[in-house]
Amino acid sequence: QAQLVESGGGSVQAGDSLRLSCVASGRTFSTFDYDMDMGWYRPAPGKECEFVARIDWSGVNTSYAEAVKGRFTNTRPNTKLTTYLRMSSLKPEDTAMYYCDVQLRGVNYWGQGTQVTVSS
């Protein structure tokens, strides 16, 4: 009923860019879910997952972790059930599995992740 599918990961060199995509599908999600936030997380040393970026339904309000601010851009087209994470100036420390997260009516939904590997 609820599915999140990430794509766009890959192996790149430091300084390169990637764009991750996350598509939400299933009867759980609707284009008119005004309280549906979408975001990205990645595992970090000593943590299960660390916050990377988040965007609200309007696509106007975004927030970013300090480690990625100015390099990553989270967008959300008018379809509302897709979010993109544009990652620029990638660093080796950005290497991780990136998970898409949807928060809707107090419930978190997660995708299976897409791997990003950045070599120096």
N, C-alpha and C. Protein backbone atom coordinates (compact mmCIF):
# COMPACT_ATOMS: atom_id res chain seq x y z
N GLN A 1 0.81 -1.21 0.00
CA GLN A 1 0.00 0.00 0.00
C GLN A 1 0.85 1.26 0.00
N ALA A 2 2.05 1.16 0.53
CA ALA A 2 2.94 2.32 0.59
C ALA A 2 4.32 1.87 0.13
N GLN A 3 4.82 2.55 -0.88
CA GLN A 3 6.12 2.18 -1.41
C GLN A 3 6.92 3.42 -1.74
N LEU A 4 8.18 3.40 -1.35
CA LEU A 4 9.12 4.46 -1.70
C LEU A 4 10.24 3.81 -2.47
N VAL A 5 10.55 4.35 -3.63
CA VAL A 5 11.61 3.79 -4.46
C VAL A 5 12.62 4.88 -4.76
N GLU A 6 13.85 4.64 -4.31
CA GLU A 6 14.94 5.58 -4.57
C GLU A 6 15.74 5.10 -5.78
N SER A 7 16.36 6.05 -6.45
CA SER A 7 17.25 5.75 -7.56
C SER A 7 18.23 6.89 -7.73
N GLY A 8 19.23 6.68 -8.56
CA GLY A 8 20.17 7.74 -8.90
C GLY A 8 21.53 7.64 -8.24
N GLY A 9 21.69 6.68 -7.34
CA GLY A 9 22.99 6.52 -6.70
C GLY A 9 24.04 6.01 -7.68
N GLY A 10 25.27 6.01 -7.23
CA GLY A 10 26.34 5.52 -8.08
C GLY A 10 27.70 5.78 -7.48
N SER A 11 28.74 5.47 -8.24
CA SER A 11 30.12 5.69 -7.82
C SER A 11 30.69 6.85 -8.62
N VAL A 12 31.17 7.86 -7.91
CA VAL A 12 31.69 9.06 -8.56
C VAL A 12 33.00 9.48 -7.89
N GLN A 13 33.64 10.47 -8.50
CA GLN A 13 34.85 11.05 -7.94
C GLN A 13 34.49 12.25 -7.07
N ALA A 14 35.37 12.57 -6.16
CA ALA A 14 35.17 13.77 -5.33
C ALA A 14 35.02 14.99 -6.23
N GLY A 15 34.06 15.82 -5.89
CA GLY A 15 33.79 17.01 -6.69
C GLY A 15 32.69 16.83 -7.72
N ASP A 16 32.32 15.58 -7.98
CA ASP A 16 31.26 15.30 -8.95
C ASP A 16 29.89 15.56 -8.33
N SER A 17 28.87 15.39 -9.17
CA SER A 17 27.49 15.59 -8.74
C SER A 17 26.65 14.35 -9.05
N LEU A 18 25.59 14.20 -8.28
CA LEU A 18 24.59 13.16 -8.51
C LEU A 18 23.22 13.73 -8.18
N ARG A 19 22.18 13.15 -8.79
CA ARG A 19 20.82 13.50 -8.40
C ARG A 19 20.08 12.23 -8.02
N LEU A 20 19.64 12.20 -6.78
CA LEU A 20 18.85 11.08 -6.29
C LEU A 20 17.36 11.39 -6.48
N SER A 21 16.60 10.35 -6.73
CA SER A 21 15.16 10.49 -6.87
C SER A 21 14.46 9.56 -5.89
N CYS A 22 13.31 9.98 -5.44
CA CYS A 22 12.47 9.14 -4.58
C CYS A 22 11.04 9.31 -5.04
N VAL A 23 10.40 8.20 -5.36
CA VAL A 23 9.00 8.24 -5.80
C VAL A 23 8.15 7.48 -4.80
N ALA A 24 7.11 8.14 -4.32
CA ALA A 24 6.16 7.53 -3.40
C ALA A 24 4.95 7.04 -4.18
N SER A 25 4.53 5.82 -3.93
CA SER A 25 3.37 5.28 -4.62
C SER A 25 2.56 4.40 -3.67
N GLY A 26 1.36 4.08 -4.11
CA GLY A 26 0.45 3.30 -3.28
C GLY A 26 -0.69 4.14 -2.75
N ARG A 27 -1.73 3.47 -2.31
CA ARG A 27 -2.95 4.17 -1.87
C ARG A 27 -2.74 4.98 -0.60
N THR A 28 -1.64 4.73 0.10
CA THR A 28 -1.37 5.49 1.32
C THR A 28 -1.11 6.96 1.03
N PHE A 29 -0.52 7.22 -0.12
CA PHE A 29 -0.08 8.57 -0.45
C PHE A 29 -1.00 9.22 -1.47
N SER A 30 -1.17 10.52 -1.30
CA SER A 30 -2.00 11.27 -2.22
C SER A 30 -1.33 12.60 -2.53
N THR A 31 -1.55 13.08 -3.71
CA THR A 31 -1.04 14.39 -4.11
C THR A 31 -1.56 15.48 -3.18
N PHE A 32 -2.69 15.24 -2.52
CA PHE A 32 -3.33 16.27 -1.69
C PHE A 32 -3.05 16.09 -0.21
N ASP A 33 -2.02 15.30 0.13
CA ASP A 33 -1.61 15.15 1.52
C ASP A 33 -0.73 16.34 1.89
N TYR A 34 -1.35 17.40 2.35
CA TYR A 34 -0.64 18.65 2.59
C TYR A 34 0.37 18.57 3.74
N ASP A 35 0.23 17.56 4.58
CA ASP A 35 1.18 17.43 5.69
C ASP A 35 2.23 16.36 5.42
N MET A 36 2.43 16.03 4.17
CA MET A 36 3.39 14.99 3.79
C MET A 36 4.76 15.60 3.50
N ASP A 37 5.66 15.43 4.45
CA ASP A 37 7.04 15.84 4.24
C ASP A 37 7.84 14.70 3.62
N MET A 38 8.83 15.04 2.83
CA MET A 38 9.73 14.05 2.26
C MET A 38 11.16 14.44 2.57
N GLY A 39 11.99 13.46 2.84
CA GLY A 39 13.35 13.79 3.21
C GLY A 39 14.33 12.67 2.92
N TRP A 40 15.57 12.92 3.32
CA TRP A 40 16.65 11.98 3.08
C TRP A 40 17.48 11.79 4.34
N TYR A 41 17.90 10.56 4.54
CA TYR A 41 18.75 10.21 5.68
C TYR A 41 19.87 9.31 5.17
N ARG A 42 20.94 9.24 5.97
CA ARG A 42 22.02 8.31 5.65
C ARG A 42 22.62 7.82 6.94
N PRO A 43 23.18 6.62 6.98
CA PRO A 43 23.82 6.12 8.19
C PRO A 43 25.06 6.96 8.50
N ALA A 44 25.38 7.07 9.76
CA ALA A 44 26.56 7.80 10.19
C ALA A 44 27.22 7.04 11.32
N PRO A 45 28.53 7.20 11.49
CA PRO A 45 29.23 6.51 12.59
C PRO A 45 28.58 6.80 13.93
N GLY A 46 28.25 5.77 14.64
CA GLY A 46 27.64 5.94 15.96
C GLY A 46 26.17 6.25 15.94
N LYS A 47 25.58 6.34 14.75
CA LYS A 47 24.15 6.64 14.64
C LYS A 47 23.51 5.66 13.67
N GLU A 48 22.23 5.39 13.92
CA GLU A 48 21.52 4.52 13.00
C GLU A 48 21.37 5.21 11.66
N CYS A 49 20.94 6.45 11.71
CA CYS A 49 20.78 7.27 10.51
C CYS A 49 20.88 8.72 10.90
N GLU A 50 21.47 9.53 10.05
CA GLU A 50 21.50 10.96 10.31
C GLU A 50 20.69 11.68 9.25
N PHE A 51 20.09 12.75 9.69
CA PHE A 51 19.27 13.59 8.83
C PHE A 51 20.16 14.25 7.77
N VAL A 52 19.67 14.30 6.54
CA VAL A 52 20.40 14.96 5.46
C VAL A 52 19.62 16.18 4.97
N ALA A 53 18.37 15.97 4.59
CA ALA A 53 17.57 17.07 4.04
C ALA A 53 16.08 16.73 4.16
N ARG A 54 15.25 17.77 4.12
CA ARG A 54 13.81 17.59 4.21
C ARG A 54 13.12 18.71 3.45
N ILE A 55 11.97 18.37 2.88
CA ILE A 55 11.18 19.36 2.14
C ILE A 55 9.71 19.14 2.45
N ASP A 56 8.98 20.22 2.57
CA ASP A 56 7.56 20.07 2.89
C ASP A 56 6.74 19.91 1.61
N TRP A 57 5.42 19.80 1.79
CA TRP A 57 4.53 19.54 0.65
C TRP A 57 4.61 20.67 -0.37
N SER A 58 4.72 21.89 0.10
CA SER A 58 4.72 23.03 -0.83
C SER A 58 5.96 23.04 -1.72
N GLY A 59 7.01 22.41 -1.23
CA GLY A 59 8.27 22.47 -1.98
C GLY A 59 9.05 23.75 -1.71
N VAL A 60 8.52 24.59 -0.87
CA VAL A 60 9.16 25.88 -0.59
C VAL A 60 10.07 25.80 0.63
N ASN A 61 9.61 25.12 1.65
CA ASN A 61 10.35 25.04 2.91
C ASN A 61 11.25 23.81 2.95
N THR A 62 12.54 24.06 3.10
CA THR A 62 13.52 22.99 3.14
C THR A 62 14.43 23.16 4.35
N SER A 63 15.05 22.08 4.75
CA SER A 63 16.06 22.14 5.80
C SER A 63 17.15 21.14 5.45
N TYR A 64 18.36 21.46 5.91
CA TYR A 64 19.52 20.65 5.57
C TYR A 64 20.42 20.46 6.78
N ALA A 65 21.12 19.33 6.78
CA ALA A 65 22.17 19.14 7.77
C ALA A 65 23.32 20.08 7.46
N GLU A 66 24.02 20.52 8.50
CA GLU A 66 25.12 21.44 8.30
C GLU A 66 26.17 20.87 7.35
N ALA A 67 26.37 19.57 7.40
CA ALA A 67 27.42 18.93 6.59
C ALA A 67 27.15 19.01 5.09
N VAL A 68 25.88 19.25 4.71
CA VAL A 68 25.55 19.26 3.28
C VAL A 68 25.03 20.61 2.83
N LYS A 69 24.82 21.52 3.74
CA LYS A 69 24.25 22.82 3.40
C LYS A 69 25.13 23.52 2.38
N GLY A 70 24.50 24.04 1.33
CA GLY A 70 25.24 24.71 0.27
C GLY A 70 25.71 23.79 -0.84
N ARG A 71 25.67 22.49 -0.59
CA ARG A 71 26.10 21.52 -1.61
C ARG A 71 24.94 20.67 -2.11
N PHE A 72 23.98 20.40 -1.24
CA PHE A 72 22.83 19.56 -1.60
C PHE A 72 21.59 20.43 -1.73
N THR A 73 20.73 20.08 -2.69
CA THR A 73 19.48 20.79 -2.88
C THR A 73 18.34 19.79 -2.99
N ASN A 74 17.36 19.96 -2.13
CA ASN A 74 16.19 19.08 -2.10
C ASN A 74 15.04 19.79 -2.81
N THR A 75 14.48 19.17 -3.82
CA THR A 75 13.36 19.77 -4.55
C THR A 75 12.19 18.80 -4.63
N ARG A 76 11.04 19.38 -5.00
CA ARG A 76 9.82 18.55 -5.07
C ARG A 76 8.94 19.13 -6.16
N PRO A 77 8.75 18.40 -7.24
CA PRO A 77 7.94 18.93 -8.34
C PRO A 77 6.46 18.98 -7.96
N ASN A 78 5.67 19.53 -8.84
CA ASN A 78 4.25 19.73 -8.56
C ASN A 78 3.47 18.43 -8.39
N THR A 79 4.05 17.34 -8.84
CA THR A 79 3.38 16.05 -8.66
C THR A 79 3.30 15.67 -7.18
N LYS A 80 4.21 16.26 -6.38
CA LYS A 80 4.21 16.12 -4.92
C LYS A 80 4.59 14.75 -4.41
N LEU A 81 4.58 13.72 -5.22
CA LEU A 81 4.90 12.38 -4.74
C LEU A 81 6.31 11.97 -5.12
N THR A 82 7.09 12.92 -5.58
CA THR A 82 8.49 12.69 -5.93
C THR A 82 9.34 13.75 -5.27
N THR A 83 10.51 13.37 -4.85
CA THR A 83 11.48 14.35 -4.38
C THR A 83 12.83 14.03 -4.98
N TYR A 84 13.61 15.08 -5.21
CA TYR A 84 14.95 14.93 -5.75
C TYR A 84 15.96 15.50 -4.76
N LEU A 85 17.12 14.89 -4.72
CA LEU A 85 18.22 15.43 -3.93
C LEU A 85 19.40 15.63 -4.88
N ARG A 86 19.64 16.87 -5.22
CA ARG A 86 20.78 17.20 -6.08
C ARG A 86 22.00 17.35 -5.18
N MET A 87 23.01 16.54 -5.41
CA MET A 87 24.21 16.55 -4.58
C MET A 87 25.38 17.03 -5.43
N SER A 88 25.99 18.13 -5.03
CA SER A 88 27.11 18.69 -5.77
C SER A 88 28.34 18.71 -4.87
N SER A 89 29.48 18.91 -5.50
CA SER A 89 30.75 18.96 -4.75
C SER A 89 30.85 17.81 -3.76
N LEU A 90 30.59 16.63 -4.25
CA LEU A 90 30.57 15.46 -3.37
C LEU A 90 31.94 15.20 -2.77
N LYS A 91 31.92 14.73 -1.53
CA LYS A 91 33.14 14.42 -0.79
C LYS A 91 33.14 12.93 -0.43
N PRO A 92 34.31 12.37 -0.18
CA PRO A 92 34.35 10.96 0.23
C PRO A 92 33.49 10.68 1.46
N GLU A 93 33.39 11.66 2.34
CA GLU A 93 32.57 11.44 3.55
C GLU A 93 31.07 11.44 3.27
N ASP A 94 30.67 11.74 2.05
CA ASP A 94 29.27 11.62 1.67
C ASP A 94 28.91 10.19 1.29
N THR A 95 29.92 9.34 1.21
CA THR A 95 29.66 7.94 0.87
C THR A 95 28.72 7.30 1.89
N ALA A 96 27.62 6.75 1.40
CA ALA A 96 26.63 6.15 2.28
C ALA A 96 25.49 5.58 1.45
N MET A 97 24.65 4.81 2.10
CA MET A 97 23.36 4.45 1.53
C MET A 97 22.40 5.58 1.89
N TYR A 98 21.73 6.13 0.92
CA TYR A 98 20.80 7.22 1.15
C TYR A 98 19.36 6.69 1.12
N TYR A 99 18.63 6.99 2.18
CA TYR A 99 17.26 6.51 2.33
C TYR A 99 16.28 7.66 2.22
N CYS A 100 15.24 7.43 1.47
CA CYS A 100 14.14 8.39 1.39
C CYS A 100 13.18 8.14 2.53
N ASP A 101 12.68 9.22 3.10
CA ASP A 101 11.75 9.12 4.23
C ASP A 101 10.54 10.00 3.96
N VAL A 102 9.38 9.45 4.24
CA VAL A 102 8.14 10.24 4.16
C VAL A 102 7.51 10.25 5.55
N GLN A 103 7.15 11.44 5.99
CA GLN A 103 6.42 11.60 7.25
C GLN A 103 4.99 12.02 6.91
N LEU A 104 4.04 11.22 7.33
CA LEU A 104 2.64 11.50 7.00
C LEU A 104 1.77 11.07 8.18
N ARG A 105 1.07 12.02 8.72
CA ARG A 105 0.13 11.78 9.84
C ARG A 105 0.79 10.98 10.96
N GLY A 106 1.99 11.39 11.30
CA GLY A 106 2.69 10.80 12.44
C GLY A 106 3.37 9.48 12.16
N VAL A 107 3.34 9.02 10.92
CA VAL A 107 3.96 7.74 10.56
C VAL A 107 5.13 8.00 9.62
N ASN A 108 6.22 7.27 9.83
CA ASN A 108 7.39 7.35 8.93
C ASN A 108 7.40 6.16 7.98
N TYR A 109 7.66 6.44 6.74
CA TYR A 109 7.80 5.41 5.72
C TYR A 109 9.20 5.52 5.14
N TRP A 110 9.81 4.37 4.85
CA TRP A 110 11.19 4.35 4.37
C TRP A 110 11.31 3.56 3.08
N GLY A 111 12.26 4.00 2.24
CA GLY A 111 12.59 3.24 1.06
C GLY A 111 13.71 2.26 1.35
N GLN A 112 14.16 1.57 0.32
CA GLN A 112 15.21 0.57 0.47
C GLN A 112 16.61 1.17 0.35
N GLY A 113 16.69 2.40 -0.12
CA GLY A 113 17.97 3.08 -0.18
C GLY A 113 18.64 2.98 -1.54
N THR A 114 19.51 3.94 -1.78
CA THR A 114 20.34 3.93 -2.99
C THR A 114 21.76 4.31 -2.57
N GLN A 115 22.73 3.54 -3.04
CA GLN A 115 24.12 3.68 -2.58
C GLN A 115 24.84 4.79 -3.35
N VAL A 116 25.52 5.63 -2.59
CA VAL A 116 26.38 6.66 -3.16
C VAL A 116 27.80 6.40 -2.66
N THR A 117 28.73 6.29 -3.58
CA THR A 117 30.13 6.07 -3.23
C THR A 117 30.97 7.15 -3.90
N VAL A 118 31.73 7.87 -3.08
CA VAL A 118 32.55 8.97 -3.58
C VAL A 118 34.00 8.64 -3.28
N SER A 119 34.80 8.55 -4.31
CA SER A 119 36.22 8.25 -4.13
C SER A 119 37.06 9.50 -4.30
N SER A 120 38.16 9.52 -3.61
CA SER A 120 39.02 10.72 -3.63
C SER A 120 40.02 10.66 -4.79
